[in-house]
Amino acid sequence: MLGAALAADGQGTIDDAWARLALLAEVSDTLIRTLDAGQSADHLARLVVPRLADWATVTVLAEDGADQLTGRAHRDPDRLGDLDAYLSGRTTGVRGQSALAGALGSGQPLRLAGPDVAVVRDAAGPRVQAAFDRLDATSAVIVPLGAHGHVFGALSLINSGVRPPMTDAEVALAEEIARRGSLALDNARLYTRQLQVAETLQRSLLTPPPQTQTLEIAVRYRPAGRHTLVGGDFYDAFTQPDGSTVLVVGDVTGHSVEAAAAMSQLRSTVRTLACDRPGSPADTLCRTDAVLTMTAFGTLATVLIAGISQTPSPAGGLQLRWSSAGHLPLMLLTADGQVRILDTPPERLLGTGTSAVRTDHVTGLRPGDTVLLYTDGLVEQRHDGRRSTIDEGVSRLREELAELGGVPVEQLCDDLLRRVLPGPADDDVALLAVRCRP
């Protein structure tokens, strides 16, 4: 189509053809580098300005047809303020302008010149109209953006002043650019939608923890900043019928909607079994593993269950009992600022389909002591271009925790995340801190 248009136009030279092919290659190469729809829209607008137009906008529609986001570019940086004022002040979206809506419906480019360009001039207030007038639009081509038979936006290419309207060859090139850009934008839209579904599902299941007369509990969840999708990290805290408090942290393998769904199943199973027939953490893990085997869970997970009894320990404090299915060790920050890693011999993950021995471990807690449960996203991070080992990450976490003695438990969680994860997380992080009240 592009070659035919070049020949029909009569203006295309060999150099022109190579320049067009180079632009198309740049469009494809640039847009596949990100799955952020907003960045893709901005990249697309900048790629066509000033080569095809003086300024351009890329509008992507939401599911309800409203304008969801807009990328923009102008060959004159001093005019970006006017362009932003026009875009932010419009009272109608793309579908609210009949000519543009018609172009979207037909799937064909819409050419505008002279007085017809006014159809993209929104009927907003004087300030917005003045901004559009300063943009000095003299001709425009609106190219629909669509993929898989669905139109979801528009690429608007506008010329100003004495620059002539786009030629047939340029319009054909714009169509091919829009086609390639549409595929990248559609992938970004689908990715964003799937990410939102998974993250919404995950956050909806991470309920606020209970607060008791003896325990103060704080929780945090941070999704991965670099993975394709959220994963299966979770925490839970609830009170059993006998008044004991159960703390749970776990991590289902994978990063997908399926991982989030598996996390939901696992979390619900643990809570149901622990409440239906209260027992030791090791007993709950054994019964959970048996249920996962019977229901063909289909994946692996690490889980740590800890219980804090309301009955005072022989030493006068509370008693912490826990069991771990391949999860990272608990950390105990004592009231006097010392940190103990409650490390135990490793035991088998959940979901292997093979029964395993589960062991309970016990330690006493004194008023002011804080217990920390966390997932591996907090300790396996990149530093200085190298991914830290679990041992290195646990050691660093211990050092940071030791400096937060006496800090309120809510602030402690925030400070830990800020210190250990100053930038985007490589993996999901679930964090639960419980402090024995004085």
Protein backbone atom coordinates (compact mmCIF):
# COMPACT_ATOMS: atom_id res chain seq x y z
CA MET A 1 0.00 0.00 0.00
CA LEU A 2 2.81 2.38 0.90
CA GLY A 3 4.75 1.59 -2.30
CA ALA A 4 1.65 2.06 -4.47
CA ALA A 5 0.95 5.40 -2.87
CA LEU A 6 4.51 6.56 -3.46
CA ALA A 7 4.27 5.64 -7.14
CA ALA A 8 0.85 7.23 -7.58
CA ASP A 9 1.94 10.42 -5.92
CA GLY A 10 4.79 10.81 -8.38
CA GLN A 11 6.96 12.50 -5.77
CA GLY A 12 8.65 9.51 -4.17
CA THR A 13 12.34 9.03 -4.88
CA ILE A 14 14.57 6.17 -3.77
CA ASP A 15 15.82 8.36 -0.91
CA ASP A 16 12.21 9.17 0.06
CA ALA A 17 11.36 5.47 0.13
CA TRP A 18 14.33 4.65 2.36
CA ALA A 19 13.46 7.53 4.69
CA ARG A 20 9.90 6.22 5.00
CA LEU A 21 11.08 2.69 5.66
CA ALA A 22 13.51 3.99 8.28
CA LEU A 23 10.69 5.88 9.99
CA LEU A 24 8.49 2.78 10.03
CA ALA A 25 11.33 0.75 11.50
CA GLU A 26 11.88 3.40 14.16
CA VAL A 27 8.17 3.37 15.03
CA SER A 28 8.18 -0.40 15.51
CA ASP A 29 11.46 -0.44 17.44
CA THR A 30 10.48 2.43 19.75
CA LEU A 31 6.96 1.30 20.60
CA ILE A 32 7.83 -2.28 21.47
CA ARG A 33 10.14 -1.06 24.22
CA THR A 34 7.35 -0.18 26.65
CA LEU A 35 4.07 -1.64 27.86
CA ASP A 36 2.92 1.69 29.29
CA ALA A 37 0.08 2.99 27.14
CA GLY A 38 0.76 6.61 28.10
CA GLN A 39 4.42 6.39 27.14
CA SER A 40 3.52 4.63 23.89
CA ALA A 41 1.08 7.42 22.98
CA ASP A 42 3.70 10.10 23.66
CA HIS A 43 6.36 8.19 21.71
CA LEU A 44 4.05 7.85 18.71
CA ALA A 45 3.26 11.57 18.67
CA ARG A 46 6.94 12.51 18.88
CA LEU A 47 7.87 10.13 16.07
CA VAL A 48 5.61 11.82 13.51
CA VAL A 49 6.53 15.40 14.48
CA PRO A 50 7.95 17.22 12.56
CA ARG A 51 8.47 14.60 9.84
CA LEU A 52 4.81 14.35 8.90
CA ALA A 53 3.16 17.22 10.76
CA ASP A 54 3.83 20.35 12.80
CA TRP A 55 2.01 18.92 15.79
CA ALA A 56 0.19 15.74 16.65
CA THR A 57 -2.00 14.15 19.28
CA VAL A 58 -2.62 10.49 20.05
CA THR A 59 -5.91 9.79 21.82
CA VAL A 60 -6.70 6.39 23.33
CA LEU A 61 -10.26 5.70 24.42
CA ALA A 62 -11.36 4.01 27.61
CA GLU A 63 -13.80 1.09 27.63
CA ASP A 64 -16.77 3.48 27.90
CA GLY A 65 -15.60 5.48 24.88
CA ALA A 66 -14.34 8.49 26.82
CA ASP A 67 -10.86 9.90 26.21
CA GLN A 68 -8.58 7.96 28.51
CA LEU A 69 -5.17 9.43 27.72
CA THR A 70 -3.55 11.65 25.15
CA GLY A 71 -0.01 11.79 23.84
CA ARG A 72 1.12 14.98 22.15
CA ALA A 73 4.08 16.62 20.43
CA HIS A 74 4.79 20.00 18.77
CA ARG A 75 7.74 21.00 16.64
CA ASP A 76 7.96 24.30 18.57
CA PRO A 77 8.52 23.70 22.31
CA ASP A 78 7.09 27.15 23.03
CA ARG A 79 3.69 25.99 21.72
CA LEU A 80 3.42 22.95 24.02
CA GLY A 81 1.73 25.12 26.64
CA ASP A 82 -1.01 26.05 24.18
CA LEU A 83 -1.35 22.44 23.08
CA ASP A 84 -1.70 21.25 26.67
CA ALA A 85 -4.21 24.00 27.44
CA TYR A 86 -6.30 22.94 24.44
CA LEU A 87 -6.17 19.24 25.27
CA SER A 88 -6.91 19.65 28.98
CA GLY A 89 -9.67 22.18 28.43
CA ARG A 90 -11.72 20.39 25.78
CA THR A 91 -15.31 19.83 26.80
CA THR A 92 -15.90 16.92 24.42
CA GLY A 93 -13.79 13.91 23.56
CA VAL A 94 -13.06 12.37 20.19
CA ARG A 95 -16.44 10.66 20.03
CA GLY A 96 -18.17 13.93 20.89
CA GLN A 97 -17.04 15.54 17.63
CA SER A 98 -19.19 14.27 14.78
CA ALA A 99 -16.62 14.42 11.98
CA LEU A 100 -13.99 12.67 14.06
CA ALA A 101 -16.46 10.11 15.35
CA GLY A 102 -17.40 9.39 11.75
CA ALA A 103 -13.77 8.80 10.86
CA LEU A 104 -13.40 6.39 13.76
CA GLY A 105 -16.54 4.57 12.69
CA SER A 106 -15.42 4.25 9.07
CA GLY A 107 -11.88 3.20 9.94
CA GLN A 108 -10.58 5.50 7.16
CA PRO A 109 -8.39 8.62 7.43
CA LEU A 110 -10.20 11.95 7.56
CA ARG A 111 -8.58 14.87 5.68
CA LEU A 112 -9.35 18.42 6.72
CA ALA A 113 -8.15 21.72 5.22
CA GLY A 114 -9.04 25.37 5.40
CA PRO A 115 -12.27 26.13 7.27
CA ASP A 116 -12.93 22.41 7.80
CA VAL A 117 -10.10 22.25 10.32
CA ALA A 118 -12.46 23.99 12.74
CA VAL A 119 -14.15 20.65 13.46
CA VAL A 120 -11.28 19.83 15.82
CA ARG A 121 -11.70 23.20 17.56
CA ASP A 122 -13.62 22.40 20.70
CA ALA A 123 -16.49 24.57 21.85
CA ALA A 124 -14.80 25.25 25.18
CA GLY A 125 -14.25 28.60 26.85
CA PRO A 126 -12.35 31.54 25.40
CA ARG A 127 -9.03 30.52 26.97
CA VAL A 128 -9.06 27.10 25.32
CA GLN A 129 -10.22 28.47 21.98
CA ALA A 130 -7.51 31.12 22.10
CA ALA A 131 -4.90 28.43 22.73
CA PHE A 132 -6.14 26.48 19.72
CA ASP A 133 -6.08 29.61 17.55
CA ARG A 134 -2.43 30.20 18.50
CA LEU A 135 -1.65 26.69 17.31
CA ASP A 136 -2.63 27.98 13.84
CA ALA A 137 -3.99 24.74 12.41
CA THR A 138 -4.39 24.97 8.62
CA SER A 139 -4.81 21.30 7.67
CA ALA A 140 -5.19 18.00 9.43
CA VAL A 141 -5.39 14.28 8.88
CA ILE A 142 -7.14 12.10 11.47
CA VAL A 143 -6.11 8.44 11.29
CA PRO A 144 -8.05 5.87 13.35
CA LEU A 145 -6.12 3.63 15.71
CA GLY A 146 -7.41 0.09 15.90
CA ALA A 147 -6.43 -3.54 16.17
CA HIS A 148 -8.21 -6.87 15.87
CA GLY A 149 -11.25 -5.21 14.33
CA HIS A 150 -11.70 -2.69 17.14
CA VAL A 151 -11.06 1.07 16.82
CA PHE A 152 -9.88 2.51 20.13
CA GLY A 153 -8.37 5.89 19.34
CA ALA A 154 -7.05 8.36 16.81
CA LEU A 155 -3.76 9.78 15.57
CA SER A 156 -4.28 13.45 14.67
CA LEU A 157 -1.63 15.08 12.45
CA ILE A 158 -1.96 18.83 12.10
CA ASN A 159 0.00 21.31 9.98
CA SER A 160 0.30 25.01 10.72
CA GLY A 161 0.96 28.20 8.80
CA VAL A 162 2.28 27.76 5.27
CA ARG A 163 3.04 24.05 5.48
CA PRO A 164 0.87 22.38 2.80
CA PRO A 165 -1.59 19.58 3.49
CA MET A 166 -0.20 16.05 3.59
CA THR A 167 0.27 14.31 0.24
CA ASP A 168 -1.24 10.95 -0.67
CA ALA A 169 2.11 9.31 0.03
CA GLU A 170 2.31 10.95 3.45
CA VAL A 171 -1.23 9.90 4.32
CA ALA A 172 -0.41 6.33 3.28
CA LEU A 173 2.68 6.49 5.47
CA ALA A 174 0.59 7.83 8.36
CA GLU A 175 -1.81 4.91 7.94
CA GLU A 176 1.03 2.41 8.15
CA ILE A 177 2.47 4.21 11.18
CA ALA A 178 -0.97 4.15 12.81
CA ARG A 179 -1.30 0.43 12.05
CA ARG A 180 2.01 -0.37 13.72
CA GLY A 181 1.36 2.04 16.54
CA SER A 182 -2.09 0.52 17.09
CA LEU A 183 -0.65 -2.93 17.67
CA ALA A 184 1.79 -1.59 20.27
CA LEU A 185 -0.88 0.54 21.96
CA ASP A 186 -3.35 -2.34 22.01
CA ASN A 187 -0.78 -4.59 23.65
CA ALA A 188 -0.13 -1.88 26.24
CA ARG A 189 -3.87 -1.46 26.86
CA LEU A 190 -4.38 -5.20 27.31
CA TYR A 191 -1.35 -5.44 29.59
CA THR A 192 -2.59 -2.51 31.71
CA ARG A 193 -6.05 -4.03 31.95
CA GLN A 194 -4.68 -7.41 33.02
CA LEU A 195 -2.35 -5.77 35.51
CA GLN A 196 -5.21 -3.80 37.02
CA VAL A 197 -7.39 -6.91 37.29
CA ALA A 198 -4.65 -8.89 39.01
CA GLU A 199 -3.63 -6.08 41.33
CA THR A 200 -7.25 -5.24 42.21
CA LEU A 201 -7.90 -8.89 42.97
CA GLN A 202 -4.78 -9.09 45.09
CA ARG A 203 -5.43 -5.88 47.03
CA SER A 204 -9.08 -6.79 47.64
CA LEU A 205 -7.92 -9.93 49.44
CA LEU A 206 -5.33 -8.20 51.61
CA THR A 207 -7.71 -7.07 54.33
CA PRO A 208 -6.87 -4.79 57.28
CA PRO A 209 -5.43 -6.68 60.26
CA PRO A 210 -7.17 -6.96 63.63
CA GLN A 211 -5.98 -4.90 66.58
CA THR A 212 -6.17 -6.50 70.03
CA GLN A 213 -5.54 -5.34 73.58
CA THR A 214 -2.16 -7.08 73.55
CA LEU A 215 -1.03 -6.74 69.91
CA GLU A 216 -0.59 -3.90 67.43
CA ILE A 217 -0.36 -5.09 63.80
CA ALA A 218 0.71 -3.19 60.66
CA VAL A 219 0.71 -4.53 57.11
CA ARG A 220 2.03 -3.33 53.76
CA TYR A 221 1.85 -4.60 50.19
CA ARG A 222 3.85 -3.20 47.28
CA PRO A 223 3.44 -4.61 43.74
CA ALA A 224 6.45 -5.27 41.56
CA GLY A 225 7.65 -2.31 39.55
CA ARG A 226 9.54 -4.28 36.91
CA HIS A 227 7.68 -7.55 36.43
CA THR A 228 5.11 -8.05 33.69
CA LEU A 229 2.37 -8.74 36.21
CA VAL A 230 1.78 -8.83 39.93
CA GLY A 231 2.57 -12.07 41.65
CA GLY A 232 1.18 -14.20 44.44
CA ASP A 233 2.59 -12.55 47.58
CA PHE A 234 0.13 -12.19 50.44
CA TYR A 235 -0.28 -11.60 54.15
CA ASP A 236 -3.12 -12.32 56.53
CA ALA A 237 -3.89 -11.75 60.19
CA PHE A 238 -6.99 -12.86 62.06
CA THR A 239 -8.23 -13.89 65.49
CA GLN A 240 -9.21 -17.46 66.28
CA PRO A 241 -12.25 -18.37 68.39
CA ASP A 242 -10.03 -18.91 71.45
CA GLY A 243 -8.67 -15.36 71.17
CA SER A 244 -5.29 -16.29 69.71
CA THR A 245 -3.98 -14.20 66.83
CA VAL A 246 -2.82 -15.95 63.66
CA LEU A 247 -0.29 -14.31 61.32
CA VAL A 248 0.30 -15.62 57.81
CA VAL A 249 2.65 -14.62 55.01
CA GLY A 250 3.19 -16.48 51.76
CA ASP A 251 4.27 -16.38 48.15
CA VAL A 252 2.77 -18.34 45.25
CA THR A 253 5.19 -18.88 42.37
CA GLY A 254 4.63 -16.90 39.17
CA HIS A 255 3.54 -13.44 38.06
CA SER A 256 0.12 -13.51 36.42
CA VAL A 257 -3.60 -13.33 37.02
CA GLU A 258 -3.38 -17.08 37.60
CA ALA A 259 -0.81 -16.52 40.37
CA ALA A 260 -3.08 -13.96 42.02
CA ALA A 261 -6.03 -16.39 41.77
CA ALA A 262 -3.92 -19.20 43.27
CA MET A 263 -2.91 -16.84 46.06
CA SER A 264 -6.61 -16.20 46.75
CA GLN A 265 -7.30 -19.92 46.96
CA LEU A 266 -4.34 -20.57 49.25
CA ARG A 267 -5.09 -17.65 51.57
CA SER A 268 -8.73 -18.66 51.91
CA THR A 269 -7.78 -22.28 52.59
CA VAL A 270 -5.35 -21.36 55.37
CA ARG A 271 -7.83 -19.01 57.04
CA THR A 272 -10.73 -21.47 56.80
CA LEU A 273 -8.77 -24.38 58.23
CA ALA A 274 -7.24 -22.30 61.01
CA CYS A 275 -10.63 -20.96 62.10
CA ASP A 276 -12.64 -24.15 61.62
CA ARG A 277 -10.37 -26.33 63.77
CA PRO A 278 -7.77 -24.26 65.58
CA GLY A 279 -4.53 -26.12 65.94
CA SER A 280 -0.82 -25.50 65.88
CA PRO A 281 0.75 -23.75 62.86
CA ALA A 282 2.37 -27.03 61.78
CA ASP A 283 -1.01 -28.80 61.92
CA THR A 284 -2.63 -26.05 59.82
CA LEU A 285 0.14 -26.30 57.23
CA CYS A 286 -0.27 -30.09 57.00
CA ARG A 287 -4.02 -29.83 56.50
CA THR A 288 -3.59 -26.99 53.99
CA ASP A 289 -1.14 -29.06 51.96
CA ALA A 290 -3.55 -31.99 51.95
CA VAL A 291 -6.38 -29.80 50.66
CA LEU A 292 -4.15 -28.33 47.93
CA THR A 293 -3.23 -31.84 46.80
CA MET A 294 -6.89 -32.94 46.67
CA THR A 295 -7.93 -29.83 44.73
CA ALA A 296 -5.02 -30.06 42.25
CA PHE A 297 -3.58 -26.68 43.25
CA GLY A 298 -1.10 -26.94 40.39
CA THR A 299 1.65 -24.65 41.66
CA LEU A 300 4.12 -24.21 44.51
CA ALA A 301 4.00 -21.78 47.40
CA THR A 302 5.99 -20.84 50.47
CA VAL A 303 3.95 -20.10 53.58
CA LEU A 304 4.75 -19.22 57.17
CA ILE A 305 2.07 -19.41 59.85
CA ALA A 306 2.59 -17.94 63.30
CA GLY A 307 0.26 -17.91 66.27
CA ILE A 308 0.40 -15.66 69.33
CA SER A 309 -1.56 -17.01 72.27
CA GLN A 310 -3.39 -14.77 74.70
CA THR A 311 -2.20 -17.06 77.49
CA PRO A 312 0.95 -15.64 79.09
CA SER A 313 4.14 -17.69 78.72
CA PRO A 314 5.91 -19.09 81.79
CA ALA A 315 8.27 -16.10 81.66
CA GLY A 316 5.35 -13.69 81.91
CA GLY A 317 5.12 -12.52 78.30
CA LEU A 318 3.25 -13.92 75.30
CA GLN A 319 4.16 -17.05 73.41
CA LEU A 320 4.94 -17.09 69.68
CA ARG A 321 4.56 -20.44 67.90
CA TRP A 322 5.30 -20.79 64.19
CA SER A 323 5.91 -23.23 61.37
CA SER A 324 7.37 -22.57 57.93
CA ALA A 325 6.85 -24.29 54.58
CA GLY A 326 10.01 -23.12 52.83
CA HIS A 327 9.47 -19.46 53.72
CA LEU A 328 11.98 -16.84 54.86
CA PRO A 329 12.72 -16.67 58.60
CA LEU A 330 10.90 -14.44 61.05
CA MET A 331 12.76 -11.51 62.56
CA LEU A 332 12.33 -10.45 66.16
CA LEU A 333 13.14 -6.89 67.19
CA THR A 334 13.28 -6.89 70.96
CA ALA A 335 12.20 -3.98 73.13
CA ASP A 336 15.86 -3.16 73.86
CA GLY A 337 16.70 -2.87 70.11
CA GLN A 338 18.30 -6.25 69.48
CA VAL A 339 17.38 -8.23 66.34
CA ARG A 340 17.16 -12.02 66.26
CA ILE A 341 16.65 -14.00 63.08
CA LEU A 342 14.36 -16.88 64.06
CA ASP A 343 15.89 -19.28 61.56
CA THR A 344 14.74 -22.90 61.49
CA PRO A 345 15.66 -25.98 59.43
CA PRO A 346 14.03 -25.75 55.97
CA GLU A 347 10.85 -27.74 55.35
CA ARG A 348 9.09 -28.55 52.10
CA LEU A 349 7.02 -26.00 50.16
CA LEU A 350 3.28 -26.41 49.77
CA GLY A 351 1.83 -27.82 46.55
CA THR A 352 4.37 -30.56 45.82
CA GLY A 353 1.72 -33.27 46.11
CA THR A 354 3.84 -35.14 48.66
CA SER A 355 3.18 -35.07 52.40
CA ALA A 356 5.93 -33.61 54.56
CA VAL A 357 6.83 -33.35 58.21
CA ARG A 358 5.89 -29.97 59.68
CA THR A 359 7.48 -28.67 62.85
CA ASP A 360 6.35 -26.07 65.37
CA HIS A 361 8.86 -23.68 66.92
CA VAL A 362 8.28 -21.59 70.03
CA THR A 363 9.76 -18.47 71.58
CA GLY A 364 8.61 -15.98 74.18
CA LEU A 365 7.65 -12.37 73.52
CA ARG A 366 7.99 -9.49 75.96
CA PRO A 367 6.14 -6.17 75.95
CA GLY A 368 7.60 -3.93 73.25
CA ASP A 369 8.92 -6.83 71.15
CA THR A 370 8.15 -6.71 67.39
CA VAL A 371 7.88 -9.70 65.06
CA LEU A 372 8.43 -9.16 61.33
CA LEU A 373 7.03 -11.40 58.57
CA TYR A 374 7.94 -10.64 54.93
CA THR A 375 8.25 -12.10 51.43
CA ASP A 376 11.37 -12.45 49.31
CA GLY A 377 10.69 -9.28 47.32
CA LEU A 378 11.96 -7.36 50.32
CA VAL A 379 15.34 -9.08 50.42
CA GLU A 380 16.08 -10.08 46.81
CA GLN A 381 16.78 -6.75 45.15
CA ARG A 382 19.28 -5.28 42.71
CA HIS A 383 22.03 -3.15 44.17
CA ASP A 384 24.91 -1.69 42.15
CA GLY A 385 23.74 -3.63 39.08
CA ARG A 386 23.81 -7.00 40.87
CA ARG A 387 20.96 -8.99 42.34
CA SER A 388 21.58 -9.67 46.01
CA THR A 389 21.41 -13.18 47.40
CA ILE A 390 18.80 -14.08 50.01
CA ASP A 391 21.47 -14.22 52.73
CA GLU A 392 22.74 -10.77 51.78
CA GLY A 393 19.22 -9.40 51.67
CA VAL A 394 18.27 -10.87 55.04
CA SER A 395 21.45 -9.48 56.57
CA ARG A 396 20.72 -6.01 55.21
CA LEU A 397 17.12 -6.17 56.43
CA ARG A 398 18.38 -7.11 59.88
CA GLU A 399 20.70 -4.12 59.96
CA GLU A 400 17.95 -1.73 58.91
CA LEU A 401 15.49 -3.21 61.40
CA ALA A 402 18.02 -2.79 64.23
CA GLU A 403 18.01 0.97 63.64
CA LEU A 404 14.23 1.23 64.03
CA GLY A 405 13.87 0.15 67.63
CA GLY A 406 11.22 2.23 69.42
CA VAL A 407 9.69 3.47 66.15
CA PRO A 408 5.87 3.10 66.02
CA VAL A 409 4.97 -0.08 64.16
CA GLU A 410 3.18 1.68 61.27
CA GLN A 411 6.16 3.98 60.74
CA LEU A 412 8.48 1.01 61.08
CA CYS A 413 6.90 -0.64 58.02
CA ASP A 414 7.13 2.56 55.98
CA ASP A 415 10.73 3.22 57.02
CA LEU A 416 11.77 -0.34 56.16
CA LEU A 417 10.28 -0.10 52.68
CA ARG A 418 11.86 3.30 52.12
CA ARG A 419 15.29 2.15 53.27
CA VAL A 420 15.39 -1.29 51.70
CA LEU A 421 13.44 -0.44 48.51
CA PRO A 422 14.32 3.14 47.56
CA GLY A 423 13.21 2.54 43.95
CA PRO A 424 10.80 0.24 42.09
CA ALA A 425 10.62 -3.25 43.53
CA ASP A 426 11.92 -6.14 41.43
CA ASP A 427 9.27 -8.40 42.94
CA ASP A 428 6.07 -8.10 44.95
CA VAL A 429 6.51 -7.37 48.64
CA ALA A 430 4.17 -8.38 51.46
CA LEU A 431 5.12 -7.16 54.92
CA LEU A 432 3.52 -7.75 58.32
CA ALA A 433 4.78 -6.40 61.64
CA VAL A 434 3.21 -7.20 65.02
CA ARG A 435 4.20 -5.55 68.30
CA CYS A 436 3.36 -6.63 71.81
CA ARG A 437 1.74 -3.69 73.55
CA PRO A 438 3.26 -2.54 76.88
